[in-house]
Every structure is written in structure tokens, then in C-alpha cells.
Amino acid sequence: MSIIALYGITAILLLWSWRRDKKKSVAALKKGWKAFENLLPQFLPIILLIGLGLAVLEPSTISRILGKESGLTGMALAAVLGSIILMPGFIAFPLAASLLAAGAGYGQIAMLLTTLMMVGIVTLPLEISYFGKWLAIKRNALAFVYSVIASFAIGCIL
């Protein structure tokens, strides 16, 4: 229902914009489409791999690997995957919802998401070039520690 509301609000705002200034509305739509075209080659493989993985893996397999019963092993696997994989939030959060629906545990998904969003092994060289080695490593280490604490708290609460 909320997705329908968001699309509805977007359509209304677009119509309002169109009535105010057609040229600016067309320019904004073209700019948005161009941004979409630039992002698509980067994220289409990720989306396809996730879809294929969810199609191939049975819910029982996902539950065994990342389920509540997987315990520390599942948490460790989620932490490693989240720290290494580079994925934007607009793909990560729907993936998390799909994994939860397939039987993954809340603590494991929290670990995956927090490390995915905050820890960046792949982006570490770039981060080092901007912030320096010491600060980049310290930031990633503190983000990892926070991810572990938050994930265990969520796992215990839920």
C-alpha cells in the first residue's frame, strides 16, 4: 500500500510540475532517465545475481545458512559478506526483506545490513586516499564493532 501511495504522490507532483513549467519538467525527466541509464549497468548484475540466488536457494537453505538457528556462524558469514560486498541501500533493503521472508534471522540480517552500509573492504583503498590509512582503518574497525553490537542486540530483542 505504501508503494502505491508513493507512486501516487510522485505522479501528482509530476503533474503539478508539468502544469507550472513543461520545459523544466521535461528537463528533469531527461536528467532522471540519464541517471537511471548510468546506474543500470552497475546494478543490473547485482539485481540479477540476487534474484537468481533467491530463485535457486530454497528457503530452508537460506534459513540454515542465515537463520536464527545458524547462530554465530550465520552472524560471522553475514559480517564477512556485508563487509566485502558493495551494494547500495535501495538494493540491500529489499534483499534483506526477501531474505527475512525466506527464513533468515533478524540478527543475521541486521549484521549483513549494518556491515554492508558501514564497512567497506572494497572501498578501503579509495577511503585511504581521502582520509589516510590510520583514519580509514579506524573508521572501518569502529563501524564493524558497532555492527556486531547492534546486530547482537537486535538478534536478542527480536
N, C-alpha and C. Protein backbone atom coordinates (compact mmCIF):
# COMPACT_ATOMS: atom_id res chain seq x y z
N MET A 1 0.82 -1.19 0.00
CA MET A 1 0.00 0.00 0.00
C MET A 1 0.87 1.26 0.00
N SER A 2 1.96 1.26 0.76
CA SER A 2 2.81 2.45 0.82
C SER A 2 3.49 2.73 -0.52
N ILE A 3 3.80 1.69 -1.27
CA ILE A 3 4.42 1.89 -2.59
C ILE A 3 3.43 2.57 -3.53
N ILE A 4 2.18 2.14 -3.47
CA ILE A 4 1.14 2.76 -4.30
C ILE A 4 0.99 4.23 -3.93
N ALA A 5 1.04 4.52 -2.63
CA ALA A 5 0.93 5.91 -2.17
C ALA A 5 2.11 6.74 -2.67
N LEU A 6 3.31 6.19 -2.61
CA LEU A 6 4.49 6.92 -3.09
C LEU A 6 4.41 7.19 -4.60
N TYR A 7 3.99 6.19 -5.36
CA TYR A 7 3.83 6.40 -6.80
C TYR A 7 2.74 7.44 -7.08
N GLY A 8 1.67 7.39 -6.32
CA GLY A 8 0.59 8.35 -6.49
C GLY A 8 1.04 9.77 -6.20
N ILE A 9 1.76 9.95 -5.10
CA ILE A 9 2.28 11.27 -4.73
C ILE A 9 3.25 11.77 -5.80
N THR A 10 4.10 10.86 -6.28
CA THR A 10 5.06 11.23 -7.33
C THR A 10 4.33 11.68 -8.59
N ALA A 11 3.29 10.94 -8.98
CA ALA A 11 2.52 11.30 -10.18
C ALA A 11 1.85 12.66 -10.01
N ILE A 12 1.29 12.90 -8.84
CA ILE A 12 0.63 14.18 -8.58
C ILE A 12 1.64 15.32 -8.64
N LEU A 13 2.80 15.14 -8.01
CA LEU A 13 3.83 16.18 -8.04
C LEU A 13 4.37 16.41 -9.45
N LEU A 14 4.48 15.34 -10.23
CA LEU A 14 4.93 15.49 -11.61
C LEU A 14 3.90 16.27 -12.43
N LEU A 15 2.64 15.95 -12.25
CA LEU A 15 1.59 16.71 -12.96
C LEU A 15 1.59 18.18 -12.55
N TRP A 16 1.78 18.42 -11.27
CA TRP A 16 1.85 19.80 -10.77
C TRP A 16 3.04 20.54 -11.39
N SER A 17 4.17 19.86 -11.42
CA SER A 17 5.37 20.45 -12.03
C SER A 17 5.13 20.71 -13.52
N TRP A 18 4.52 19.76 -14.19
CA TRP A 18 4.23 19.88 -15.62
C TRP A 18 3.36 21.09 -15.92
N ARG A 19 2.36 21.31 -15.06
CA ARG A 19 1.46 22.45 -15.26
C ARG A 19 2.19 23.78 -15.01
N ARG A 20 3.14 23.77 -14.10
CA ARG A 20 3.86 25.01 -13.79
C ARG A 20 4.88 25.37 -14.87
N ASP A 21 5.66 24.36 -15.31
CA ASP A 21 6.70 24.64 -16.31
C ASP A 21 7.04 23.34 -17.04
N LYS A 22 6.53 23.21 -18.25
CA LYS A 22 6.72 21.99 -19.03
C LYS A 22 8.19 21.76 -19.38
N LYS A 23 8.90 22.82 -19.73
CA LYS A 23 10.31 22.68 -20.13
C LYS A 23 11.16 22.14 -18.98
N LYS A 24 10.98 22.70 -17.80
CA LYS A 24 11.74 22.22 -16.64
C LYS A 24 11.36 20.79 -16.28
N SER A 25 10.09 20.45 -16.41
CA SER A 25 9.64 19.09 -16.11
C SER A 25 10.27 18.09 -17.08
N VAL A 26 10.28 18.44 -18.35
CA VAL A 26 10.90 17.56 -19.35
C VAL A 26 12.40 17.44 -19.08
N ALA A 27 13.04 18.55 -18.74
CA ALA A 27 14.48 18.51 -18.44
C ALA A 27 14.75 17.63 -17.21
N ALA A 28 13.89 17.73 -16.20
CA ALA A 28 14.07 16.91 -15.00
C ALA A 28 13.87 15.43 -15.32
N LEU A 29 12.88 15.12 -16.14
CA LEU A 29 12.65 13.72 -16.52
C LEU A 29 13.83 13.18 -17.33
N LYS A 30 14.37 13.99 -18.23
CA LYS A 30 15.53 13.57 -19.02
C LYS A 30 16.74 13.34 -18.12
N LYS A 31 16.93 14.23 -17.16
CA LYS A 31 18.06 14.10 -16.23
C LYS A 31 17.90 12.84 -15.37
N GLY A 32 16.70 12.58 -14.91
CA GLY A 32 16.43 11.37 -14.14
C GLY A 32 16.66 10.12 -14.95
N TRP A 33 16.21 10.12 -16.20
CA TRP A 33 16.41 8.97 -17.08
C TRP A 33 17.90 8.73 -17.33
N LYS A 34 18.65 9.83 -17.52
CA LYS A 34 20.09 9.71 -17.74
C LYS A 34 20.78 9.10 -16.51
N ALA A 35 20.37 9.54 -15.33
CA ALA A 35 20.93 8.97 -14.10
C ALA A 35 20.60 7.48 -14.00
N PHE A 36 19.37 7.12 -14.37
CA PHE A 36 18.96 5.71 -14.37
C PHE A 36 19.82 4.90 -15.33
N GLU A 37 20.05 5.44 -16.53
CA GLU A 37 20.88 4.75 -17.52
C GLU A 37 22.31 4.57 -17.04
N ASN A 38 22.82 5.56 -16.31
CA ASN A 38 24.19 5.46 -15.79
C ASN A 38 24.30 4.44 -14.66
N LEU A 39 23.26 4.31 -13.84
CA LEU A 39 23.28 3.37 -12.72
C LEU A 39 23.00 1.94 -13.14
N LEU A 40 22.18 1.76 -14.15
CA LEU A 40 21.72 0.43 -14.54
C LEU A 40 22.85 -0.56 -14.82
N PRO A 41 23.88 -0.21 -15.60
CA PRO A 41 24.94 -1.20 -15.85
C PRO A 41 25.67 -1.65 -14.59
N GLN A 42 25.72 -0.80 -13.59
CA GLN A 42 26.41 -1.16 -12.35
C GLN A 42 25.56 -2.08 -11.48
N PHE A 43 24.25 -1.85 -11.47
CA PHE A 43 23.41 -2.57 -10.51
C PHE A 43 22.60 -3.70 -11.11
N LEU A 44 22.47 -3.76 -12.42
CA LEU A 44 21.72 -4.85 -13.03
C LEU A 44 22.34 -6.22 -12.72
N PRO A 45 23.67 -6.37 -12.81
CA PRO A 45 24.24 -7.67 -12.44
C PRO A 45 23.96 -8.04 -10.97
N ILE A 46 24.00 -7.06 -10.08
CA ILE A 46 23.72 -7.35 -8.67
C ILE A 46 22.28 -7.82 -8.51
N ILE A 47 21.36 -7.12 -9.15
CA ILE A 47 19.95 -7.48 -9.05
C ILE A 47 19.72 -8.87 -9.64
N LEU A 48 20.34 -9.16 -10.78
CA LEU A 48 20.18 -10.48 -11.39
C LEU A 48 20.76 -11.59 -10.52
N LEU A 49 21.94 -11.34 -9.94
CA LEU A 49 22.54 -12.35 -9.06
C LEU A 49 21.68 -12.60 -7.83
N ILE A 50 21.15 -11.55 -7.25
CA ILE A 50 20.30 -11.70 -6.08
C ILE A 50 19.04 -12.48 -6.44
N GLY A 51 18.42 -12.09 -7.55
CA GLY A 51 17.21 -12.79 -7.99
C GLY A 51 17.49 -14.25 -8.29
N LEU A 52 18.60 -14.53 -8.96
CA LEU A 52 18.98 -15.91 -9.27
C LEU A 52 19.25 -16.69 -7.99
N GLY A 53 19.97 -16.05 -7.06
CA GLY A 53 20.27 -16.72 -5.79
C GLY A 53 19.01 -17.05 -5.01
N LEU A 54 18.07 -16.12 -4.96
CA LEU A 54 16.82 -16.39 -4.25
C LEU A 54 15.97 -17.42 -4.97
N ALA A 55 16.09 -17.49 -6.30
CA ALA A 55 15.33 -18.49 -7.05
C ALA A 55 15.93 -19.88 -6.89
N VAL A 56 17.25 -19.95 -6.84
CA VAL A 56 17.93 -21.24 -6.77
C VAL A 56 17.94 -21.79 -5.34
N LEU A 57 18.21 -20.92 -4.37
CA LEU A 57 18.28 -21.37 -2.99
C LEU A 57 16.88 -21.54 -2.41
N GLU A 58 16.65 -22.65 -1.80
CA GLU A 58 15.36 -22.88 -1.15
C GLU A 58 15.34 -22.14 0.18
N PRO A 59 14.15 -21.77 0.65
CA PRO A 59 14.05 -21.09 1.94
C PRO A 59 14.72 -21.86 3.08
N SER A 60 14.67 -23.18 3.02
CA SER A 60 15.30 -23.97 4.08
C SER A 60 16.82 -23.80 4.06
N THR A 61 17.40 -23.65 2.88
CA THR A 61 18.85 -23.44 2.77
C THR A 61 19.22 -22.07 3.32
N ILE A 62 18.45 -21.06 2.94
CA ILE A 62 18.70 -19.71 3.45
C ILE A 62 18.54 -19.70 4.96
N SER A 63 17.53 -20.38 5.46
CA SER A 63 17.29 -20.44 6.90
C SER A 63 18.44 -21.15 7.61
N ARG A 64 18.98 -22.20 6.97
CA ARG A 64 20.09 -22.94 7.59
C ARG A 64 21.36 -22.09 7.61
N ILE A 65 21.59 -21.31 6.54
CA ILE A 65 22.81 -20.51 6.45
C ILE A 65 22.71 -19.22 7.25
N LEU A 66 21.58 -18.52 7.15
CA LEU A 66 21.42 -17.21 7.80
C LEU A 66 20.25 -17.17 8.79
N GLY A 67 19.69 -18.31 9.09
CA GLY A 67 18.55 -18.35 10.01
C GLY A 67 18.95 -18.11 11.45
N LYS A 68 17.94 -17.99 12.29
CA LYS A 68 18.19 -17.74 13.70
C LYS A 68 19.00 -18.88 14.33
N GLU A 69 18.77 -20.08 13.85
CA GLU A 69 19.48 -21.25 14.40
C GLU A 69 20.93 -21.34 13.92
N SER A 70 21.30 -20.53 12.92
CA SER A 70 22.68 -20.58 12.44
C SER A 70 23.66 -19.97 13.44
N GLY A 71 23.12 -19.18 14.37
CA GLY A 71 23.91 -18.65 15.47
C GLY A 71 25.11 -17.81 15.05
N LEU A 72 26.23 -18.04 15.74
CA LEU A 72 27.43 -17.26 15.49
C LEU A 72 28.01 -17.49 14.09
N THR A 73 27.83 -18.71 13.57
CA THR A 73 28.33 -19.00 12.22
C THR A 73 27.59 -18.14 11.20
N GLY A 74 26.28 -18.06 11.32
CA GLY A 74 25.48 -17.23 10.42
C GLY A 74 25.81 -15.75 10.57
N MET A 75 26.03 -15.33 11.82
CA MET A 75 26.40 -13.93 12.06
C MET A 75 27.76 -13.63 11.44
N ALA A 76 28.71 -14.54 11.60
CA ALA A 76 30.05 -14.33 11.04
C ALA A 76 30.00 -14.29 9.51
N LEU A 77 29.23 -15.20 8.91
CA LEU A 77 29.09 -15.21 7.46
C LEU A 77 28.45 -13.91 6.97
N ALA A 78 27.41 -13.45 7.66
CA ALA A 78 26.75 -12.19 7.29
C ALA A 78 27.72 -11.02 7.43
N ALA A 79 28.56 -11.03 8.47
CA ALA A 79 29.53 -9.95 8.68
C ALA A 79 30.57 -9.93 7.57
N VAL A 80 31.05 -11.08 7.19
CA VAL A 80 32.06 -11.15 6.12
C VAL A 80 31.45 -10.71 4.79
N LEU A 81 30.28 -11.24 4.46
CA LEU A 81 29.62 -10.87 3.20
C LEU A 81 29.32 -9.37 3.17
N GLY A 82 28.77 -8.86 4.23
CA GLY A 82 28.41 -7.44 4.28
C GLY A 82 29.62 -6.53 4.19
N SER A 83 30.73 -6.95 4.77
CA SER A 83 31.95 -6.13 4.74
C SER A 83 32.60 -6.11 3.37
N ILE A 84 32.42 -7.17 2.60
CA ILE A 84 33.09 -7.28 1.31
C ILE A 84 32.22 -6.77 0.16
N ILE A 85 30.94 -7.11 0.18
CA ILE A 85 30.05 -6.77 -0.93
C ILE A 85 29.81 -5.27 -0.98
N LEU A 86 29.77 -4.73 -2.18
CA LEU A 86 29.46 -3.33 -2.40
C LEU A 86 28.08 -3.26 -3.03
N MET A 87 27.10 -2.74 -2.27
CA MET A 87 25.73 -2.71 -2.74
C MET A 87 25.03 -1.47 -2.17
N PRO A 88 24.28 -0.77 -2.99
CA PRO A 88 23.57 0.42 -2.48
C PRO A 88 22.36 0.03 -1.63
N GLY A 89 21.94 0.96 -0.80
CA GLY A 89 20.83 0.71 0.10
C GLY A 89 19.53 0.37 -0.59
N PHE A 90 19.26 0.97 -1.75
CA PHE A 90 17.99 0.70 -2.41
C PHE A 90 17.91 -0.71 -2.97
N ILE A 91 19.03 -1.42 -3.01
CA ILE A 91 19.02 -2.83 -3.37
C ILE A 91 19.14 -3.68 -2.11
N ALA A 92 19.92 -3.23 -1.14
CA ALA A 92 20.18 -4.01 0.06
C ALA A 92 18.93 -4.21 0.92
N PHE A 93 18.13 -3.19 1.08
CA PHE A 93 16.97 -3.31 1.96
C PHE A 93 15.89 -4.23 1.39
N PRO A 94 15.55 -4.15 0.09
CA PRO A 94 14.63 -5.16 -0.44
C PRO A 94 15.21 -6.58 -0.39
N LEU A 95 16.52 -6.70 -0.58
CA LEU A 95 17.16 -8.01 -0.44
C LEU A 95 16.98 -8.53 0.98
N ALA A 96 17.17 -7.68 1.96
CA ALA A 96 17.00 -8.08 3.36
C ALA A 96 15.57 -8.54 3.62
N ALA A 97 14.60 -7.84 3.06
CA ALA A 97 13.21 -8.24 3.23
C ALA A 97 12.96 -9.60 2.60
N SER A 98 13.55 -9.84 1.44
CA SER A 98 13.40 -11.14 0.78
C SER A 98 14.05 -12.25 1.59
N LEU A 99 15.22 -11.98 2.13
CA LEU A 99 15.91 -12.98 2.95
C LEU A 99 15.13 -13.28 4.23
N LEU A 100 14.57 -12.25 4.84
CA LEU A 100 13.74 -12.47 6.03
C LEU A 100 12.53 -13.33 5.70
N ALA A 101 11.90 -13.05 4.57
CA ALA A 101 10.74 -13.84 4.15
C ALA A 101 11.13 -15.28 3.85
N ALA A 102 12.39 -15.48 3.43
CA ALA A 102 12.86 -16.83 3.12
C ALA A 102 13.36 -17.58 4.36
N GLY A 103 13.34 -16.92 5.52
CA GLY A 103 13.70 -17.64 6.74
C GLY A 103 14.97 -17.19 7.43
N ALA A 104 15.58 -16.12 6.99
CA ALA A 104 16.79 -15.63 7.65
C ALA A 104 16.43 -15.02 8.99
N GLY A 105 17.39 -14.98 9.90
CA GLY A 105 17.17 -14.43 11.24
C GLY A 105 17.38 -12.93 11.27
N TYR A 106 16.73 -12.27 12.21
CA TYR A 106 16.83 -10.82 12.33
C TYR A 106 18.25 -10.38 12.66
N GLY A 107 18.90 -11.08 13.57
CA GLY A 107 20.27 -10.72 13.93
C GLY A 107 21.23 -10.85 12.76
N GLN A 108 21.07 -11.92 11.99
CA GLN A 108 21.94 -12.14 10.84
C GLN A 108 21.70 -11.08 9.76
N ILE A 109 20.44 -10.74 9.53
CA ILE A 109 20.14 -9.71 8.53
C ILE A 109 20.61 -8.34 9.01
N ALA A 110 20.46 -8.08 10.30
CA ALA A 110 20.98 -6.82 10.84
C ALA A 110 22.49 -6.74 10.66
N MET A 111 23.17 -7.86 10.88
CA MET A 111 24.63 -7.90 10.68
C MET A 111 24.97 -7.65 9.22
N LEU A 112 24.26 -8.30 8.32
CA LEU A 112 24.51 -8.11 6.90
C LEU A 112 24.30 -6.66 6.49
N LEU A 113 23.18 -6.08 6.90
CA LEU A 113 22.87 -4.71 6.51
C LEU A 113 23.82 -3.68 7.13
N THR A 114 24.10 -3.82 8.41
CA THR A 114 24.96 -2.82 9.05
C THR A 114 26.39 -2.87 8.50
N THR A 115 26.91 -4.06 8.29
CA THR A 115 28.25 -4.14 7.71
C THR A 115 28.24 -3.70 6.24
N LEU A 116 27.17 -4.02 5.53
CA LEU A 116 27.04 -3.62 4.13
C LEU A 116 27.04 -2.10 3.99
N MET A 117 26.36 -1.42 4.89
CA MET A 117 26.24 0.03 4.80
C MET A 117 27.42 0.78 5.42
N MET A 118 28.10 0.16 6.39
CA MET A 118 29.09 0.92 7.16
C MET A 118 30.53 0.46 6.99
N VAL A 119 30.76 -0.79 6.62
CA VAL A 119 32.11 -1.31 6.50
C VAL A 119 32.40 -1.50 5.01
N GLY A 120 33.56 -1.07 4.57
CA GLY A 120 33.87 -1.15 3.15
C GLY A 120 35.25 -1.69 2.87
N ILE A 121 35.39 -2.99 2.76
CA ILE A 121 36.69 -3.57 2.41
C ILE A 121 37.04 -3.21 0.97
N VAL A 122 36.05 -3.28 0.07
CA VAL A 122 36.27 -2.98 -1.34
C VAL A 122 36.63 -1.51 -1.54
N THR A 123 36.01 -0.64 -0.78
CA THR A 123 36.25 0.80 -0.94
C THR A 123 37.38 1.33 -0.05
N LEU A 124 38.02 0.47 0.71
CA LEU A 124 39.08 0.90 1.63
C LEU A 124 40.22 1.63 0.93
N PRO A 125 40.72 1.18 -0.22
CA PRO A 125 41.80 1.94 -0.88
C PRO A 125 41.39 3.38 -1.23
N LEU A 126 40.17 3.55 -1.69
CA LEU A 126 39.69 4.90 -2.00
C LEU A 126 39.57 5.73 -0.73
N GLU A 127 39.06 5.12 0.31
CA GLU A 127 38.92 5.81 1.59
C GLU A 127 40.29 6.20 2.15
N ILE A 128 41.27 5.33 2.01
CA ILE A 128 42.63 5.63 2.47
C ILE A 128 43.18 6.83 1.71
N SER A 129 42.90 6.91 0.41
CA SER A 129 43.42 8.03 -0.38
C SER A 129 42.82 9.37 0.06
N TYR A 130 41.61 9.36 0.57
CA TYR A 130 40.97 10.60 1.02
C TYR A 130 41.27 10.93 2.48
N PHE A 131 41.20 9.92 3.36
CA PHE A 131 41.29 10.16 4.80
C PHE A 131 42.61 9.75 5.43
N GLY A 132 43.43 9.02 4.70
CA GLY A 132 44.66 8.49 5.27
C GLY A 132 44.42 7.09 5.81
N LYS A 133 45.51 6.33 5.89
CA LYS A 133 45.41 4.93 6.27
C LYS A 133 44.86 4.75 7.68
N TRP A 134 45.40 5.49 8.63
CA TRP A 134 45.02 5.32 10.03
C TRP A 134 43.53 5.59 10.24
N LEU A 135 43.04 6.71 9.73
CA LEU A 135 41.64 7.08 9.94
C LEU A 135 40.70 6.13 9.21
N ALA A 136 41.04 5.73 8.00
CA ALA A 136 40.18 4.83 7.24
C ALA A 136 40.05 3.47 7.92
N ILE A 137 41.16 2.94 8.39
CA ILE A 137 41.13 1.64 9.08
C ILE A 137 40.39 1.77 10.41
N LYS A 138 40.65 2.84 11.13
CA LYS A 138 39.96 3.06 12.41
C LYS A 138 38.45 3.18 12.20
N ARG A 139 38.03 3.94 11.17
CA ARG A 139 36.61 4.10 10.92
C ARG A 139 35.95 2.77 10.57
N ASN A 140 36.59 1.99 9.74
CA ASN A 140 36.04 0.68 9.37
C ASN A 140 36.00 -0.27 10.56
N ALA A 141 37.03 -0.26 11.38
CA ALA A 141 37.06 -1.12 12.56
C ALA A 141 35.96 -0.74 13.55
N LEU A 142 35.80 0.56 13.80
CA LEU A 142 34.73 1.01 14.71
C LEU A 142 33.36 0.71 14.13
N ALA A 143 33.20 0.85 12.83
CA ALA A 143 31.93 0.53 12.18
C ALA A 143 31.63 -0.96 12.31
N PHE A 144 32.66 -1.79 12.20
CA PHE A 144 32.47 -3.23 12.35
C PHE A 144 32.06 -3.58 13.78
N VAL A 145 32.73 -2.97 14.74
CA VAL A 145 32.39 -3.22 16.16
C VAL A 145 30.95 -2.79 16.43
N TYR A 146 30.56 -1.62 15.93
CA TYR A 146 29.19 -1.16 16.11
C TYR A 146 28.21 -2.13 15.45
N SER A 147 28.54 -2.63 14.27
CA SER A 147 27.67 -3.57 13.58
C SER A 147 27.45 -4.83 14.39
N VAL A 148 28.52 -5.33 14.97
CA VAL A 148 28.41 -6.54 15.79
C VAL A 148 27.53 -6.29 17.01
N ILE A 149 27.76 -5.19 17.70
CA ILE A 149 26.97 -4.87 18.90
C ILE A 149 25.49 -4.68 18.54
N ALA A 150 25.22 -3.89 17.51
CA ALA A 150 23.84 -3.63 17.11
C ALA A 150 23.15 -4.90 16.65
N SER A 151 23.84 -5.73 15.93
CA SER A 151 23.24 -6.96 15.41
C SER A 151 22.91 -7.94 16.53
N PHE A 152 23.82 -8.08 17.49
CA PHE A 152 23.52 -8.96 18.62
C PHE A 152 22.35 -8.41 19.44
N ALA A 153 22.28 -7.11 19.60
CA ALA A 153 21.15 -6.50 20.32
C ALA A 153 19.85 -6.77 19.59
N ILE A 154 19.83 -6.58 18.29
CA ILE A 154 18.62 -6.82 17.52
C ILE A 154 18.27 -8.31 17.55
N GLY A 155 19.28 -9.16 17.41
CA GLY A 155 19.04 -10.60 17.49
C GLY A 155 18.45 -11.03 18.81
N CYS A 156 18.88 -10.42 19.90
CA CYS A 156 18.35 -10.77 21.22
C CYS A 156 16.94 -10.20 21.43
N ILE A 157 16.70 -8.99 20.94
CA ILE A 157 15.40 -8.36 21.13
C ILE A 157 14.33 -9.04 20.27
N LEU A 158 14.68 -9.31 19.01
CA LEU A 158 13.69 -9.90 18.11
C LEU A 158 13.87 -11.40 18.04
